[in-house]
Amino acid sequence: MTQHAGPACPPVGVLALQGDVAEHIAALTAVGAAAVPVRRPEQLDEIGGLIIPGGESTTIWKLAVAFDLMEPVRKRIGAGLPAFGCCAGMIMLADRMVDGTGGQETFGGIDMTVRRNAFGRQVDSFESDIELRGIAGPPLRAVFIRAPWVERTGPGVEVLGMDAGTDRIVAVRQGPLLATAFHPELTPDVRLHQLFVDIVREQS
């Protein structure tokens, strides 16, 4: 059954530089949120939250620099803009990164250390059922594609889910910031998008 965000939720942006932009917009629409692709710094003033989709973290970083989005996004997140990072987006929300390419930067915001491509190469992609704290209902089917994992978290970070096969952290929250190592937009389960829209509404 589709849940709706309610009229008080401001538009939610999806960083539209690379990755599953259309899939995230569809998931946001399914939970009743207005979704807009974000490619320009001035668009950040029009949204109440930002999804950073999967893709390739070094490419997202380079494109964010090229589109003059790196510092504006970093500043907005630092000022309290809710953000939800998936896979490469999780890397972009990490304060610290292991195995990054030379000079690679992130937006930061979550007090965690993330390892890039921790679960292996594209051929090592897999699916798993993940129990998530704060998400009612059955385990969420998670799709991992060249996924990172979280090696360490600071005291302000809440661990929402772990991969049972590796006992690694794959979902976290810190205040209005949410991050998963997997791709919730690639399944019909929109509970994580509903959670993020609820966060956006609470912060608006």
N, C-alpha and C. Protein backbone atom coordinates (compact mmCIF):
# COMPACT_ATOMS: atom_id res chain seq x y z
N MET A 1 0.85 -1.19 0.00
CA MET A 1 0.00 0.00 0.00
C MET A 1 0.88 1.24 0.00
N THR A 2 0.59 2.19 -0.88
CA THR A 2 1.39 3.41 -0.99
C THR A 2 1.11 4.33 0.18
N GLN A 3 2.17 4.82 0.80
CA GLN A 3 2.04 5.81 1.84
C GLN A 3 2.36 7.18 1.25
N HIS A 4 1.80 8.23 1.84
CA HIS A 4 2.03 9.56 1.29
C HIS A 4 2.68 10.45 2.33
N ALA A 5 3.52 11.34 1.83
CA ALA A 5 4.31 12.19 2.71
C ALA A 5 3.49 13.29 3.35
N GLY A 6 2.38 13.68 2.72
CA GLY A 6 1.58 14.76 3.28
C GLY A 6 1.96 16.08 2.67
N PRO A 7 1.07 17.05 2.71
CA PRO A 7 1.28 18.32 2.02
C PRO A 7 2.38 19.17 2.62
N ALA A 8 2.79 18.90 3.86
CA ALA A 8 3.78 19.77 4.51
C ALA A 8 5.20 19.48 4.06
N CYS A 9 5.42 18.41 3.29
CA CYS A 9 6.78 18.05 2.89
C CYS A 9 7.23 18.90 1.71
N PRO A 10 8.35 19.62 1.85
CA PRO A 10 8.87 20.38 0.71
C PRO A 10 9.43 19.45 -0.35
N PRO A 11 9.71 19.96 -1.56
CA PRO A 11 10.27 19.11 -2.60
C PRO A 11 11.58 18.45 -2.16
N VAL A 12 11.79 17.23 -2.63
CA VAL A 12 13.01 16.49 -2.34
C VAL A 12 13.83 16.43 -3.63
N GLY A 13 15.08 16.82 -3.57
CA GLY A 13 15.95 16.80 -4.73
C GLY A 13 16.70 15.48 -4.85
N VAL A 14 17.02 15.11 -6.08
CA VAL A 14 17.89 13.98 -6.36
C VAL A 14 19.09 14.51 -7.14
N LEU A 15 20.27 14.36 -6.60
CA LEU A 15 21.47 14.86 -7.27
C LEU A 15 21.60 14.14 -8.61
N ALA A 16 21.46 14.88 -9.69
CA ALA A 16 21.32 14.28 -11.01
C ALA A 16 22.60 14.40 -11.83
N LEU A 17 23.70 13.93 -11.26
CA LEU A 17 24.98 13.94 -11.96
C LEU A 17 25.30 12.57 -12.55
N GLN A 18 24.92 11.52 -11.85
CA GLN A 18 25.18 10.15 -12.28
C GLN A 18 24.32 9.22 -11.43
N GLY A 19 24.03 8.03 -11.93
CA GLY A 19 23.37 7.04 -11.11
C GLY A 19 21.88 6.93 -11.38
N ASP A 20 21.18 6.27 -10.44
CA ASP A 20 19.77 5.90 -10.62
C ASP A 20 18.84 7.06 -10.27
N VAL A 21 18.96 8.15 -11.00
CA VAL A 21 18.17 9.35 -10.70
C VAL A 21 16.68 9.09 -10.92
N ALA A 22 16.32 8.53 -12.08
CA ALA A 22 14.91 8.29 -12.40
C ALA A 22 14.27 7.33 -11.41
N GLU A 23 15.02 6.32 -10.97
CA GLU A 23 14.48 5.34 -10.03
C GLU A 23 14.19 5.98 -8.67
N HIS A 24 15.06 6.86 -8.22
CA HIS A 24 14.80 7.55 -6.95
C HIS A 24 13.61 8.50 -7.08
N ILE A 25 13.51 9.20 -8.19
CA ILE A 25 12.37 10.09 -8.40
C ILE A 25 11.07 9.30 -8.40
N ALA A 26 11.08 8.12 -9.01
CA ALA A 26 9.88 7.28 -9.01
C ALA A 26 9.52 6.82 -7.61
N ALA A 27 10.53 6.45 -6.81
CA ALA A 27 10.26 6.01 -5.44
C ALA A 27 9.72 7.15 -4.58
N LEU A 28 10.28 8.34 -4.74
CA LEU A 28 9.78 9.50 -4.01
C LEU A 28 8.35 9.82 -4.40
N THR A 29 8.07 9.75 -5.69
CA THR A 29 6.72 9.99 -6.17
C THR A 29 5.74 8.97 -5.59
N ALA A 30 6.21 7.72 -5.45
CA ALA A 30 5.36 6.65 -4.92
C ALA A 30 4.95 6.90 -3.48
N VAL A 31 5.76 7.65 -2.73
CA VAL A 31 5.39 7.95 -1.34
C VAL A 31 4.81 9.36 -1.21
N GLY A 32 4.46 9.95 -2.34
CA GLY A 32 3.72 11.21 -2.31
C GLY A 32 4.56 12.46 -2.21
N ALA A 33 5.86 12.37 -2.45
CA ALA A 33 6.73 13.54 -2.37
C ALA A 33 6.93 14.15 -3.76
N ALA A 34 7.08 15.45 -3.79
CA ALA A 34 7.48 16.13 -5.02
C ALA A 34 8.99 15.95 -5.18
N ALA A 35 9.41 15.40 -6.31
CA ALA A 35 10.82 15.09 -6.53
C ALA A 35 11.36 15.89 -7.70
N VAL A 36 12.56 16.44 -7.53
CA VAL A 36 13.15 17.26 -8.58
C VAL A 36 14.62 16.87 -8.77
N PRO A 37 15.09 16.74 -10.03
CA PRO A 37 16.51 16.52 -10.26
C PRO A 37 17.30 17.80 -9.96
N VAL A 38 18.47 17.65 -9.35
CA VAL A 38 19.30 18.81 -8.98
C VAL A 38 20.61 18.74 -9.75
N ARG A 39 20.87 19.78 -10.55
CA ARG A 39 22.11 19.87 -11.31
C ARG A 39 22.82 21.21 -11.14
N ARG A 40 22.14 22.18 -10.51
CA ARG A 40 22.70 23.52 -10.36
C ARG A 40 22.65 23.97 -8.90
N PRO A 41 23.63 24.74 -8.46
CA PRO A 41 23.67 25.16 -7.04
C PRO A 41 22.40 25.88 -6.60
N GLU A 42 21.82 26.71 -7.46
CA GLU A 42 20.65 27.49 -7.04
C GLU A 42 19.44 26.60 -6.76
N GLN A 43 19.43 25.39 -7.32
CA GLN A 43 18.31 24.49 -7.06
C GLN A 43 18.30 23.98 -5.62
N LEU A 44 19.43 24.06 -4.93
CA LEU A 44 19.49 23.63 -3.54
C LEU A 44 18.60 24.48 -2.64
N ASP A 45 18.32 25.73 -3.08
CA ASP A 45 17.47 26.61 -2.29
C ASP A 45 15.99 26.25 -2.41
N GLU A 46 15.65 25.35 -3.34
CA GLU A 46 14.26 25.03 -3.61
C GLU A 46 13.83 23.71 -2.99
N ILE A 47 14.75 23.02 -2.30
CA ILE A 47 14.44 21.68 -1.80
C ILE A 47 14.57 21.60 -0.28
N GLY A 48 13.88 20.61 0.28
CA GLY A 48 13.97 20.37 1.72
C GLY A 48 14.82 19.19 2.09
N GLY A 49 15.29 18.43 1.09
CA GLY A 49 16.14 17.27 1.32
C GLY A 49 16.78 16.88 0.00
N LEU A 50 17.87 16.09 0.09
CA LEU A 50 18.63 15.71 -1.10
C LEU A 50 19.01 14.24 -1.04
N ILE A 51 18.68 13.50 -2.11
CA ILE A 51 19.15 12.13 -2.26
C ILE A 51 20.39 12.13 -3.14
N ILE A 52 21.43 11.44 -2.68
CA ILE A 52 22.66 11.27 -3.46
C ILE A 52 22.67 9.82 -3.92
N PRO A 53 22.41 9.57 -5.20
CA PRO A 53 22.23 8.19 -5.66
C PRO A 53 23.55 7.46 -5.82
N GLY A 54 23.41 6.15 -6.08
CA GLY A 54 24.59 5.36 -6.37
C GLY A 54 25.18 5.73 -7.72
N GLY A 55 26.26 5.08 -8.05
CA GLY A 55 27.01 5.38 -9.26
C GLY A 55 28.47 5.06 -8.98
N GLU A 56 29.33 6.00 -9.26
CA GLU A 56 30.76 5.83 -8.98
C GLU A 56 31.21 7.06 -8.22
N SER A 57 31.71 6.87 -7.01
CA SER A 57 31.94 8.02 -6.12
C SER A 57 32.97 8.99 -6.67
N THR A 58 34.01 8.49 -7.36
CA THR A 58 34.99 9.42 -7.91
C THR A 58 34.37 10.25 -9.04
N THR A 59 33.50 9.64 -9.83
CA THR A 59 32.83 10.38 -10.91
C THR A 59 31.87 11.42 -10.34
N ILE A 60 31.11 11.03 -9.31
CA ILE A 60 30.20 11.99 -8.68
C ILE A 60 30.99 13.17 -8.12
N TRP A 61 32.11 12.89 -7.47
CA TRP A 61 32.96 13.97 -6.92
C TRP A 61 33.44 14.89 -8.03
N LYS A 62 33.96 14.32 -9.10
CA LYS A 62 34.49 15.15 -10.19
C LYS A 62 33.40 15.96 -10.87
N LEU A 63 32.22 15.36 -11.06
CA LEU A 63 31.12 16.09 -11.67
C LEU A 63 30.58 17.17 -10.74
N ALA A 64 30.56 16.88 -9.43
CA ALA A 64 30.12 17.90 -8.47
C ALA A 64 31.04 19.11 -8.51
N VAL A 65 32.33 18.88 -8.65
CA VAL A 65 33.28 19.98 -8.79
C VAL A 65 33.03 20.72 -10.09
N ALA A 66 32.86 19.98 -11.20
CA ALA A 66 32.67 20.59 -12.51
C ALA A 66 31.39 21.42 -12.58
N PHE A 67 30.34 20.98 -11.87
CA PHE A 67 29.06 21.70 -11.89
C PHE A 67 28.95 22.72 -10.75
N ASP A 68 30.08 22.98 -10.07
CA ASP A 68 30.11 23.94 -8.96
C ASP A 68 29.11 23.58 -7.86
N LEU A 69 28.98 22.29 -7.61
CA LEU A 69 28.05 21.82 -6.58
C LEU A 69 28.75 21.33 -5.32
N MET A 70 30.04 21.10 -5.38
CA MET A 70 30.74 20.47 -4.26
C MET A 70 30.59 21.29 -2.97
N GLU A 71 31.01 22.52 -3.01
CA GLU A 71 30.95 23.34 -1.80
C GLU A 71 29.52 23.71 -1.41
N PRO A 72 28.64 24.07 -2.37
CA PRO A 72 27.26 24.37 -1.96
C PRO A 72 26.56 23.20 -1.29
N VAL A 73 26.74 21.98 -1.81
CA VAL A 73 26.11 20.82 -1.17
C VAL A 73 26.72 20.59 0.20
N ARG A 74 28.04 20.68 0.29
CA ARG A 74 28.73 20.49 1.58
C ARG A 74 28.21 21.48 2.62
N LYS A 75 28.06 22.73 2.21
CA LYS A 75 27.60 23.76 3.15
C LYS A 75 26.15 23.54 3.57
N ARG A 76 25.29 23.15 2.62
CA ARG A 76 23.90 22.92 2.96
C ARG A 76 23.74 21.73 3.90
N ILE A 77 24.51 20.67 3.66
CA ILE A 77 24.46 19.51 4.57
C ILE A 77 24.97 19.91 5.95
N GLY A 78 26.05 20.67 5.97
CA GLY A 78 26.58 21.14 7.24
C GLY A 78 25.61 22.03 8.00
N ALA A 79 24.73 22.71 7.27
CA ALA A 79 23.75 23.60 7.89
C ALA A 79 22.46 22.88 8.26
N GLY A 80 22.40 21.55 8.00
CA GLY A 80 21.25 20.79 8.46
C GLY A 80 20.32 20.27 7.38
N LEU A 81 20.68 20.41 6.10
CA LEU A 81 19.83 19.86 5.04
C LEU A 81 19.77 18.34 5.15
N PRO A 82 18.59 17.74 5.25
CA PRO A 82 18.51 16.28 5.25
C PRO A 82 19.07 15.70 3.95
N ALA A 83 19.82 14.62 4.05
CA ALA A 83 20.38 13.97 2.87
C ALA A 83 20.35 12.46 3.07
N PHE A 84 20.18 11.76 1.95
CA PHE A 84 20.10 10.30 1.93
C PHE A 84 21.05 9.82 0.84
N GLY A 85 22.12 9.13 1.24
CA GLY A 85 23.09 8.63 0.28
C GLY A 85 23.01 7.12 0.14
N CYS A 86 22.97 6.62 -1.10
CA CYS A 86 22.89 5.19 -1.38
C CYS A 86 24.14 4.75 -2.13
N CYS A 87 24.81 3.72 -1.63
CA CYS A 87 26.00 3.14 -2.25
C CYS A 87 27.07 4.23 -2.41
N ALA A 88 27.34 4.70 -3.62
CA ALA A 88 28.30 5.79 -3.78
C ALA A 88 27.87 7.02 -2.99
N GLY A 89 26.56 7.20 -2.86
CA GLY A 89 26.06 8.31 -2.05
C GLY A 89 26.42 8.17 -0.59
N MET A 90 26.49 6.92 -0.09
CA MET A 90 26.97 6.69 1.28
C MET A 90 28.41 7.16 1.42
N ILE A 91 29.23 6.84 0.42
CA ILE A 91 30.63 7.28 0.44
C ILE A 91 30.69 8.81 0.47
N MET A 92 29.85 9.47 -0.34
CA MET A 92 29.87 10.93 -0.42
C MET A 92 29.42 11.59 0.88
N LEU A 93 28.66 10.89 1.72
CA LEU A 93 28.23 11.46 3.01
C LEU A 93 29.19 11.13 4.15
N ALA A 94 30.21 10.33 3.88
CA ALA A 94 31.14 9.93 4.93
C ALA A 94 32.16 11.02 5.22
N ASP A 95 32.47 11.21 6.49
CA ASP A 95 33.54 12.13 6.87
C ASP A 95 34.91 11.58 6.52
N ARG A 96 35.03 10.25 6.48
CA ARG A 96 36.32 9.61 6.21
C ARG A 96 36.12 8.43 5.25
N MET A 97 37.13 8.18 4.42
CA MET A 97 37.02 7.16 3.39
C MET A 97 38.32 6.37 3.31
N VAL A 98 38.18 5.05 3.09
CA VAL A 98 39.32 4.16 2.89
C VAL A 98 39.31 3.72 1.43
N ASP A 99 40.49 3.66 0.82
CA ASP A 99 40.64 3.22 -0.57
C ASP A 99 40.08 4.21 -1.58
N GLY A 100 40.06 5.49 -1.23
CA GLY A 100 39.66 6.49 -2.20
C GLY A 100 40.78 6.74 -3.21
N THR A 101 40.42 7.30 -4.35
CA THR A 101 41.43 7.65 -5.33
C THR A 101 42.14 8.92 -4.89
N GLY A 102 43.28 9.21 -5.52
CA GLY A 102 44.09 10.35 -5.10
C GLY A 102 43.33 11.66 -5.07
N GLY A 103 43.28 12.28 -3.91
CA GLY A 103 42.64 13.58 -3.77
C GLY A 103 41.13 13.55 -3.68
N GLN A 104 40.54 12.38 -3.68
CA GLN A 104 39.08 12.29 -3.68
C GLN A 104 38.49 12.92 -2.43
N GLU A 105 37.44 13.71 -2.62
CA GLU A 105 36.76 14.38 -1.53
C GLU A 105 35.32 13.91 -1.44
N THR A 106 34.72 14.13 -0.28
CA THR A 106 33.31 13.82 -0.06
C THR A 106 32.58 15.07 0.42
N PHE A 107 31.26 15.01 0.40
CA PHE A 107 30.48 16.08 1.02
C PHE A 107 30.61 16.01 2.53
N GLY A 108 30.71 14.80 3.08
CA GLY A 108 30.81 14.62 4.53
C GLY A 108 29.46 14.86 5.20
N GLY A 109 29.48 14.78 6.51
CA GLY A 109 28.28 14.99 7.31
C GLY A 109 28.04 13.89 8.32
N ILE A 110 28.35 12.64 7.94
CA ILE A 110 28.17 11.52 8.87
C ILE A 110 29.52 11.11 9.42
N ASP A 111 29.61 11.02 10.74
CA ASP A 111 30.86 10.70 11.43
C ASP A 111 31.13 9.20 11.29
N MET A 112 31.60 8.82 10.11
CA MET A 112 31.88 7.41 9.85
C MET A 112 33.05 7.27 8.87
N THR A 113 33.66 6.10 8.90
CA THR A 113 34.70 5.72 7.94
C THR A 113 34.13 4.65 7.03
N VAL A 114 34.14 4.91 5.73
CA VAL A 114 33.56 4.00 4.74
C VAL A 114 34.66 3.46 3.84
N ARG A 115 34.59 2.17 3.54
CA ARG A 115 35.54 1.55 2.60
C ARG A 115 34.87 1.40 1.24
N ARG A 116 35.48 1.98 0.21
CA ARG A 116 34.95 1.88 -1.15
C ARG A 116 35.06 0.44 -1.68
N ASN A 117 34.04 0.05 -2.47
CA ASN A 117 34.04 -1.26 -3.14
C ASN A 117 34.38 -2.41 -2.19
N ALA A 118 33.94 -2.28 -0.95
CA ALA A 118 34.34 -3.25 0.09
C ALA A 118 33.83 -4.65 -0.21
N PHE A 119 32.65 -4.74 -0.82
CA PHE A 119 32.06 -6.06 -1.08
C PHE A 119 32.56 -6.67 -2.39
N GLY A 120 33.48 -5.99 -3.08
CA GLY A 120 34.05 -6.57 -4.29
C GLY A 120 33.64 -5.84 -5.55
N ARG A 121 33.96 -6.45 -6.69
CA ARG A 121 33.73 -5.86 -7.98
C ARG A 121 32.28 -6.08 -8.42
N GLN A 122 31.95 -5.58 -9.62
CA GLN A 122 30.59 -5.70 -10.15
C GLN A 122 30.12 -7.15 -10.16
N VAL A 123 31.02 -8.07 -10.48
CA VAL A 123 30.64 -9.49 -10.56
C VAL A 123 30.30 -10.06 -9.18
N ASP A 124 30.68 -9.35 -8.13
CA ASP A 124 30.39 -9.81 -6.77
C ASP A 124 29.11 -9.20 -6.22
N SER A 125 28.32 -8.57 -7.08
CA SER A 125 27.05 -8.00 -6.64
C SER A 125 26.12 -9.11 -6.12
N PHE A 126 25.28 -8.75 -5.16
CA PHE A 126 24.42 -9.75 -4.55
C PHE A 126 23.20 -9.09 -3.92
N GLU A 127 22.24 -9.90 -3.50
CA GLU A 127 21.07 -9.43 -2.78
C GLU A 127 21.01 -10.11 -1.42
N SER A 128 20.45 -9.40 -0.45
CA SER A 128 20.37 -9.95 0.91
C SER A 128 19.18 -9.33 1.62
N ASP A 129 18.61 -10.04 2.57
CA ASP A 129 17.53 -9.50 3.39
C ASP A 129 18.13 -8.84 4.62
N ILE A 130 17.79 -7.56 4.82
CA ILE A 130 18.37 -6.76 5.90
C ILE A 130 17.28 -6.33 6.88
N GLU A 131 17.52 -6.60 8.15
CA GLU A 131 16.65 -6.08 9.20
C GLU A 131 17.09 -4.64 9.51
N LEU A 132 16.15 -3.70 9.43
CA LEU A 132 16.48 -2.30 9.63
C LEU A 132 15.75 -1.75 10.86
N ARG A 133 16.49 -1.15 11.76
CA ARG A 133 15.90 -0.51 12.93
C ARG A 133 15.04 0.66 12.47
N GLY A 134 13.86 0.78 13.06
CA GLY A 134 12.99 1.89 12.74
C GLY A 134 12.14 1.69 11.51
N ILE A 135 12.29 0.54 10.84
CA ILE A 135 11.49 0.23 9.66
C ILE A 135 10.57 -0.94 10.02
N ALA A 136 9.28 -0.66 10.09
CA ALA A 136 8.31 -1.71 10.44
C ALA A 136 8.13 -2.68 9.29
N GLY A 137 7.73 -3.90 9.63
CA GLY A 137 7.46 -4.88 8.60
C GLY A 137 8.58 -5.88 8.43
N PRO A 138 8.53 -6.65 7.35
CA PRO A 138 9.52 -7.71 7.13
C PRO A 138 10.88 -7.14 6.77
N PRO A 139 11.93 -7.98 6.76
CA PRO A 139 13.25 -7.51 6.33
C PRO A 139 13.18 -6.90 4.93
N LEU A 140 14.07 -5.95 4.69
CA LEU A 140 14.11 -5.27 3.40
C LEU A 140 15.08 -6.00 2.47
N ARG A 141 14.64 -6.27 1.26
CA ARG A 141 15.51 -6.92 0.27
C ARG A 141 16.48 -5.87 -0.25
N ALA A 142 17.76 -6.09 -0.02
CA ALA A 142 18.78 -5.11 -0.36
C ALA A 142 19.63 -5.58 -1.54
N VAL A 143 19.84 -4.69 -2.50
CA VAL A 143 20.65 -4.96 -3.69
C VAL A 143 22.01 -4.27 -3.52
N PHE A 144 23.08 -5.06 -3.49
CA PHE A 144 24.44 -4.54 -3.32
C PHE A 144 25.18 -4.63 -4.66
N ILE A 145 25.69 -3.50 -5.15
CA ILE A 145 26.44 -3.46 -6.41
C ILE A 145 27.75 -2.70 -6.16
N ARG A 146 28.86 -3.41 -6.19
CA ARG A 146 30.17 -2.81 -5.88
C ARG A 146 30.06 -1.94 -4.62
N ALA A 147 29.44 -2.49 -3.62
CA ALA A 147 28.99 -1.70 -2.49
C ALA A 147 30.11 -1.41 -1.48
N PRO A 148 30.00 -0.26 -0.81
CA PRO A 148 30.89 0.02 0.33
C PRO A 148 30.34 -0.63 1.58
N TRP A 149 31.12 -0.56 2.65
CA TRP A 149 30.57 -0.83 3.97
C TRP A 149 31.17 0.18 4.94
N VAL A 150 30.58 0.25 6.13
CA VAL A 150 31.04 1.20 7.16
C VAL A 150 31.98 0.47 8.09
N GLU A 151 33.21 0.95 8.19
CA GLU A 151 34.20 0.31 9.06
C GLU A 151 34.14 0.83 10.49
N ARG A 152 33.87 2.12 10.65
CA ARG A 152 33.81 2.71 12.00
C ARG A 152 32.77 3.81 12.02
N THR A 153 32.12 3.99 13.17
CA THR A 153 31.18 5.09 13.34
C THR A 153 31.51 5.86 14.60
N GLY A 154 31.18 7.15 14.58
CA GLY A 154 31.34 7.98 15.76
C GLY A 154 30.16 7.81 16.70
N PRO A 155 30.23 8.42 17.89
CA PRO A 155 29.20 8.22 18.92
C PRO A 155 27.82 8.75 18.53
N GLY A 156 27.75 9.68 17.58
CA GLY A 156 26.47 10.23 17.21
C GLY A 156 25.76 9.50 16.09
N VAL A 157 26.36 8.41 15.62
CA VAL A 157 25.81 7.68 14.48
C VAL A 157 25.01 6.46 14.96
N GLU A 158 23.79 6.34 14.49
CA GLU A 158 22.95 5.20 14.82
C GLU A 158 23.08 4.15 13.72
N VAL A 159 23.43 2.93 14.09
CA VAL A 159 23.50 1.83 13.13
C VAL A 159 22.09 1.28 12.93
N LEU A 160 21.61 1.35 11.68
CA LEU A 160 20.26 0.89 11.37
C LEU A 160 20.22 -0.55 10.87
N GLY A 161 21.30 -1.00 10.24
CA GLY A 161 21.28 -2.35 9.69
C GLY A 161 22.66 -2.89 9.41
N MET A 162 22.77 -4.23 9.47
CA MET A 162 24.04 -4.91 9.20
C MET A 162 23.79 -6.07 8.25
N ASP A 163 24.79 -6.38 7.45
CA ASP A 163 24.71 -7.54 6.56
C ASP A 163 25.03 -8.79 7.37
N ALA A 164 24.09 -9.73 7.39
CA ALA A 164 24.26 -10.93 8.21
C ALA A 164 25.42 -11.79 7.75
N GLY A 165 25.71 -11.79 6.46
CA GLY A 165 26.77 -12.64 5.94
C GLY A 165 28.17 -12.20 6.34
N THR A 166 28.35 -10.88 6.45
CA THR A 166 29.69 -10.36 6.76
C THR A 166 29.76 -9.65 8.11
N ASP A 167 28.59 -9.43 8.73
CA ASP A 167 28.51 -8.70 10.00
C ASP A 167 29.06 -7.28 9.85
N ARG A 168 28.86 -6.70 8.67
CA ARG A 168 29.32 -5.34 8.40
C ARG A 168 28.14 -4.37 8.44
N ILE A 169 28.41 -3.13 8.83
CA ILE A 169 27.39 -2.09 8.89
C ILE A 169 27.06 -1.63 7.48
N VAL A 170 25.76 -1.64 7.13
CA VAL A 170 25.35 -1.26 5.78
C VAL A 170 24.26 -0.20 5.75
N ALA A 171 23.81 0.27 6.92
CA ALA A 171 22.82 1.34 6.97
C ALA A 171 23.00 2.13 8.26
N VAL A 172 23.03 3.45 8.14
CA VAL A 172 23.27 4.32 9.31
C VAL A 172 22.40 5.57 9.21
N ARG A 173 22.27 6.22 10.36
CA ARG A 173 21.62 7.53 10.41
C ARG A 173 22.35 8.40 11.43
N GLN A 174 22.50 9.66 11.08
CA GLN A 174 23.01 10.65 12.03
C GLN A 174 22.15 11.90 11.86
N GLY A 175 21.26 12.12 12.81
CA GLY A 175 20.34 13.26 12.71
C GLY A 175 19.52 13.16 11.43
N PRO A 176 19.54 14.21 10.59
CA PRO A 176 18.75 14.18 9.36
C PRO A 176 19.47 13.53 8.19
N LEU A 177 20.59 12.86 8.46
CA LEU A 177 21.37 12.22 7.40
C LEU A 177 21.20 10.71 7.47
N LEU A 178 20.92 10.10 6.32
CA LEU A 178 20.65 8.67 6.20
C LEU A 178 21.54 8.12 5.11
N ALA A 179 22.09 6.92 5.30
CA ALA A 179 22.95 6.33 4.28
C ALA A 179 22.84 4.82 4.29
N THR A 180 22.82 4.24 3.08
CA THR A 180 22.80 2.79 2.94
C THR A 180 23.86 2.36 1.93
N ALA A 181 24.45 1.19 2.15
CA ALA A 181 25.43 0.64 1.21
C ALA A 181 24.75 0.02 0.00
N PHE A 182 23.46 -0.17 0.08
CA PHE A 182 22.71 -0.84 -0.99
C PHE A 182 21.79 0.14 -1.71
N HIS A 183 21.06 -0.38 -2.70
CA HIS A 183 20.24 0.43 -3.60
C HIS A 183 18.75 0.18 -3.36
N PRO A 184 18.10 0.91 -2.47
CA PRO A 184 16.67 0.68 -2.23
C PRO A 184 15.80 1.06 -3.43
N GLU A 185 16.32 1.91 -4.30
CA GLU A 185 15.54 2.35 -5.46
C GLU A 185 15.38 1.26 -6.52
N LEU A 186 16.15 0.16 -6.39
CA LEU A 186 16.09 -0.92 -7.38
C LEU A 186 15.10 -2.02 -7.00
N THR A 187 14.34 -1.82 -5.94
CA THR A 187 13.29 -2.77 -5.55
C THR A 187 11.98 -1.99 -5.41
N PRO A 188 10.84 -2.67 -5.41
CA PRO A 188 9.56 -1.97 -5.24
C PRO A 188 9.28 -1.54 -3.80
N ASP A 189 10.15 -1.87 -2.87
CA ASP A 189 9.96 -1.53 -1.46
C ASP A 189 10.39 -0.08 -1.23
N VAL A 190 9.43 0.78 -0.88
CA VAL A 190 9.73 2.22 -0.75
C VAL A 190 9.80 2.67 0.71
N ARG A 191 9.98 1.73 1.64
CA ARG A 191 9.96 2.12 3.06
C ARG A 191 11.10 3.05 3.44
N LEU A 192 12.28 2.88 2.86
CA LEU A 192 13.39 3.78 3.18
C LEU A 192 13.14 5.18 2.61
N HIS A 193 12.56 5.24 1.43
CA HIS A 193 12.22 6.56 0.88
C HIS A 193 11.15 7.23 1.73
N GLN A 194 10.20 6.44 2.24
CA GLN A 194 9.20 7.00 3.14
C GLN A 194 9.86 7.54 4.41
N LEU A 195 10.81 6.78 4.97
CA LEU A 195 11.53 7.25 6.15
C LEU A 195 12.23 8.57 5.87
N PHE A 196 12.89 8.67 4.70
CA PHE A 196 13.61 9.90 4.40
C PHE A 196 12.64 11.07 4.22
N VAL A 197 11.54 10.84 3.55
CA VAL A 197 10.56 11.91 3.37
C VAL A 197 10.00 12.35 4.73
N ASP A 198 9.82 11.40 5.65
CA ASP A 198 9.38 11.77 7.00
C ASP A 198 10.43 12.65 7.69
N ILE A 199 11.71 12.33 7.49
CA ILE A 199 12.79 13.14 8.06
C ILE A 199 12.75 14.55 7.48
N VAL A 200 12.57 14.66 6.17
CA VAL A 200 12.51 15.96 5.50
C VAL A 200 11.34 16.77 6.05
N ARG A 201 10.19 16.14 6.20
CA ARG A 201 9.02 16.85 6.70
C ARG A 201 9.25 17.34 8.13
N GLU A 202 9.89 16.49 8.96
CA GLU A 202 10.15 16.89 10.35
C GLU A 202 11.11 18.08 10.42
N GLN A 203 12.04 18.18 9.47
CA GLN A 203 13.03 19.24 9.50
C GLN A 203 12.53 20.54 8.87
N SER A 204 11.40 20.46 8.14
CA SER A 204 10.93 21.65 7.40
C SER A 204 10.20 22.62 8.32
